Amino acid sequence: MDRTTVLVGPEDRAAIEVIQPRYGVATEADAIRLALRVLAASPLLEIELPPRPQQAHRSPRKPSRA
Protein backbone atom coordinates (compact mmCIF):
# COMPACT_ATOMS: atom_id res chain seq x y z
CA MET A 1 0.00 0.00 0.00
CA ASP A 2 1.30 3.45 -0.90
CA ARG A 3 1.29 6.29 1.56
CA THR A 4 -0.15 9.67 0.56
CA THR A 5 -0.52 12.84 2.59
CA VAL A 6 -3.82 14.66 2.17
CA LEU A 7 -4.39 18.11 3.62
CA VAL A 8 -7.95 18.51 4.88
CA GLY A 9 -9.73 21.64 5.95
CA PRO A 10 -12.46 22.08 8.56
CA GLU A 11 -15.27 21.11 6.14
CA ASP A 12 -13.40 17.94 5.14
CA ARG A 13 -12.78 17.00 8.77
CA ALA A 14 -16.48 17.57 9.55
CA ALA A 15 -17.41 15.27 6.65
CA ILE A 16 -15.03 12.59 7.95
CA GLU A 17 -16.63 12.88 11.40
CA VAL A 18 -20.06 12.24 9.80
CA ILE A 19 -18.83 9.29 7.73
CA GLN A 20 -17.12 7.44 10.60
CA PRO A 21 -20.15 6.70 12.80
CA ARG A 22 -22.60 6.52 9.90
CA TYR A 23 -20.71 3.72 8.17
CA GLY A 24 -18.95 2.28 11.22
CA VAL A 25 -15.39 2.97 10.09
CA ALA A 26 -12.78 3.16 12.83
CA THR A 27 -10.22 5.58 11.42
CA GLU A 28 -10.13 8.78 9.42
CA ALA A 29 -8.09 6.99 6.76
CA ASP A 30 -10.80 4.32 6.45
CA ALA A 31 -13.45 7.05 6.09
CA ILE A 32 -11.46 8.70 3.29
CA ARG A 33 -10.94 5.36 1.51
CA LEU A 34 -14.65 4.58 1.79
CA ALA A 35 -15.62 7.98 0.39
CA LEU A 36 -13.20 7.56 -2.53
CA ARG A 37 -14.53 4.11 -3.40
CA VAL A 38 -18.18 5.13 -3.14
CA LEU A 39 -17.58 8.17 -5.33
CA ALA A 40 -15.60 6.13 -7.86
CA ALA A 41 -18.44 3.57 -8.10
CA SER A 42 -21.14 6.24 -8.52
CA PRO A 43 -22.34 7.71 -11.79
CA LEU A 44 -20.78 11.01 -12.76
CA LEU A 45 -22.13 13.75 -10.52
CA GLU A 46 -22.26 17.39 -11.59
CA ILE A 47 -20.76 19.05 -8.53
CA GLU A 48 -18.88 22.26 -7.91
CA LEU A 49 -15.57 21.61 -6.21
CA PRO A 50 -14.61 23.81 -3.27
CA PRO A 51 -11.60 26.07 -3.77
CA ARG A 52 -8.21 24.60 -2.89
CA PRO A 53 -6.73 25.82 0.37
CA GLN A 54 -4.01 28.46 -0.05
CA GLN A 55 -1.30 26.31 1.53
CA ALA A 56 -2.12 23.25 -0.59
CA HIS A 57 0.50 22.37 -3.13
CA ARG A 58 1.42 19.29 -5.04
CA SER A 59 4.81 17.90 -4.13
CA PRO A 60 6.76 15.92 -6.68
CA ARG A 61 6.16 12.18 -6.48
CA LYS A 62 9.07 10.03 -5.48
CA PRO A 63 9.96 7.37 -8.02
CA SER A 64 8.55 4.01 -7.07
CA ARG A 65 10.88 1.16 -6.36
CA ALA A 66 10.74 -1.64 -8.86
C-alpha atoms as a PDB file:
ATOM      1  CA  MET A   1       0.000   0.000   0.000  1.00  0.00           C
ATOM      2  CA  ASP A   2       1.302   3.445  -0.901  1.00  0.00           C
ATOM      3  CA  ARG A   3       1.290   6.295   1.562  1.00  0.00           C
ATOM      4  CA  THR A   4      -0.153   9.672   0.558  1.00  0.00           C
ATOM      5  CA  THR A   5      -0.521  12.836   2.593  1.00  0.00           C
ATOM      6  CA  VAL A   6      -3.820  14.658   2.175  1.00  0.00           C
ATOM      7  CA  LEU A   7      -4.388  18.114   3.617  1.00  0.00           C
ATOM      8  CA  VAL A   8      -7.945  18.512   4.881  1.00  0.00           C
ATOM      9  CA  GLY A   9      -9.735  21.644   5.953  1.00  0.00           C
ATOM     10  CA  PRO A  10     -12.458  22.083   8.558  1.00  0.00           C
ATOM     11  CA  GLU A  11     -15.266  21.115   6.138  1.00  0.00           C
ATOM     12  CA  ASP A  12     -13.399  17.943   5.145  1.00  0.00           C
ATOM     13  CA  ARG A  13     -12.778  17.000   8.774  1.00  0.00           C
ATOM     14  CA  ALA A  14     -16.485  17.574   9.550  1.00  0.00           C
ATOM     15  CA  ALA A  15     -17.412  15.267   6.653  1.00  0.00           C
ATOM     16  CA  ILE A  16     -15.031  12.594   7.948  1.00  0.00           C
ATOM     17  CA  GLU A  17     -16.634  12.878  11.398  1.00  0.00           C
ATOM     18  CA  VAL A  18     -20.061  12.244   9.800  1.00  0.00           C
ATOM     19  CA  ILE A  19     -18.831   9.289   7.725  1.00  0.00           C
ATOM     20  CA  GLN A  20     -17.122   7.441  10.601  1.00  0.00           C
ATOM     21  CA  PRO A  21     -20.154   6.700  12.797  1.00  0.00           C
ATOM     22  CA  ARG A  22     -22.603   6.516   9.899  1.00  0.00           C
ATOM     23  CA  TYR A  23     -20.706   3.718   8.175  1.00  0.00           C
ATOM     24  CA  GLY A  24     -18.946   2.280  11.216  1.00  0.00           C
ATOM     25  CA  VAL A  25     -15.388   2.974  10.091  1.00  0.00           C
ATOM     26  CA  ALA A  26     -12.783   3.164  12.827  1.00  0.00           C
ATOM     27  CA  THR A  27     -10.220   5.584  11.419  1.00  0.00           C
ATOM     28  CA  GLU A  28     -10.128   8.784   9.416  1.00  0.00           C
ATOM     29  CA  ALA A  29      -8.087   6.989   6.755  1.00  0.00           C
ATOM     30  CA  ASP A  30     -10.802   4.323   6.449  1.00  0.00           C
ATOM     31  CA  ALA A  31     -13.446   7.047   6.090  1.00  0.00           C
ATOM     32  CA  ILE A  32     -11.456   8.698   3.295  1.00  0.00           C
ATOM     33  CA  ARG A  33     -10.937   5.360   1.511  1.00  0.00           C
ATOM     34  CA  LEU A  34     -14.650   4.579   1.795  1.00  0.00           C
ATOM     35  CA  ALA A  35     -15.622   7.984   0.391  1.00  0.00           C
ATOM     36  CA  LEU A  36     -13.204   7.565  -2.528  1.00  0.00           C
ATOM     37  CA  ARG A  37     -14.526   4.106  -3.398  1.00  0.00           C
ATOM     38  CA  VAL A  38     -18.176   5.130  -3.139  1.00  0.00           C
ATOM     39  CA  LEU A  39     -17.577   8.171  -5.331  1.00  0.00           C
ATOM     40  CA  ALA A  40     -15.597   6.130  -7.862  1.00  0.00           C
ATOM     41  CA  ALA A  41     -18.436   3.567  -8.098  1.00  0.00           C
ATOM     42  CA  SER A  42     -21.142   6.243  -8.516  1.00  0.00           C
ATOM     43  CA  PRO A  43     -22.344   7.714 -11.791  1.00  0.00           C
ATOM     44  CA  LEU A  44     -20.781  11.012 -12.760  1.00  0.00           C
ATOM     45  CA  LEU A  45     -22.132  13.755 -10.523  1.00  0.00           C
ATOM     46  CA  GLU A  46     -22.260  17.386 -11.586  1.00  0.00           C
ATOM     47  CA  ILE A  47     -20.757  19.053  -8.527  1.00  0.00           C
ATOM     48  CA  GLU A  48     -18.877  22.260  -7.911  1.00  0.00           C
ATOM     49  CA  LEU A  49     -15.567  21.609  -6.215  1.00  0.00           C
ATOM     50  CA  PRO A  50     -14.606  23.807  -3.270  1.00  0.00           C
ATOM     51  CA  PRO A  51     -11.601  26.070  -3.770  1.00  0.00           C
ATOM     52  CA  ARG A  52      -8.212  24.601  -2.892  1.00  0.00           C
ATOM     53  CA  PRO A  53      -6.726  25.821   0.372  1.00  0.00           C
ATOM     54  CA  GLN A  54      -4.007  28.464  -0.046  1.00  0.00           C
ATOM     55  CA  GLN A  55      -1.299  26.306   1.531  1.00  0.00           C
ATOM     56  CA  ALA A  56      -2.120  23.253  -0.587  1.00  0.00           C
ATOM     57  CA  HIS A  57       0.500  22.369  -3.132  1.00  0.00           C
ATOM     58  CA  ARG A  58       1.417  19.291  -5.044  1.00  0.00           C
ATOM     59  CA  SER A  59       4.806  17.902  -4.134  1.00  0.00           C
ATOM     60  CA  PRO A  60       6.756  15.921  -6.685  1.00  0.00           C
ATOM     61  CA  ARG A  61       6.159  12.176  -6.477  1.00  0.00           C
ATOM     62  CA  LYS A  62       9.068  10.027  -5.481  1.00  0.00           C
ATOM     63  CA  PRO A  63       9.963   7.373  -8.025  1.00  0.00           C
ATOM     64  CA  SER A  64       8.551   4.008  -7.069  1.00  0.00           C
ATOM     65  CA  ARG A  65      10.880   1.158  -6.364  1.00  0.00           C
ATOM     66  CA  ALA A  66      10.736  -1.639  -8.864  1.00  0.00           C
END
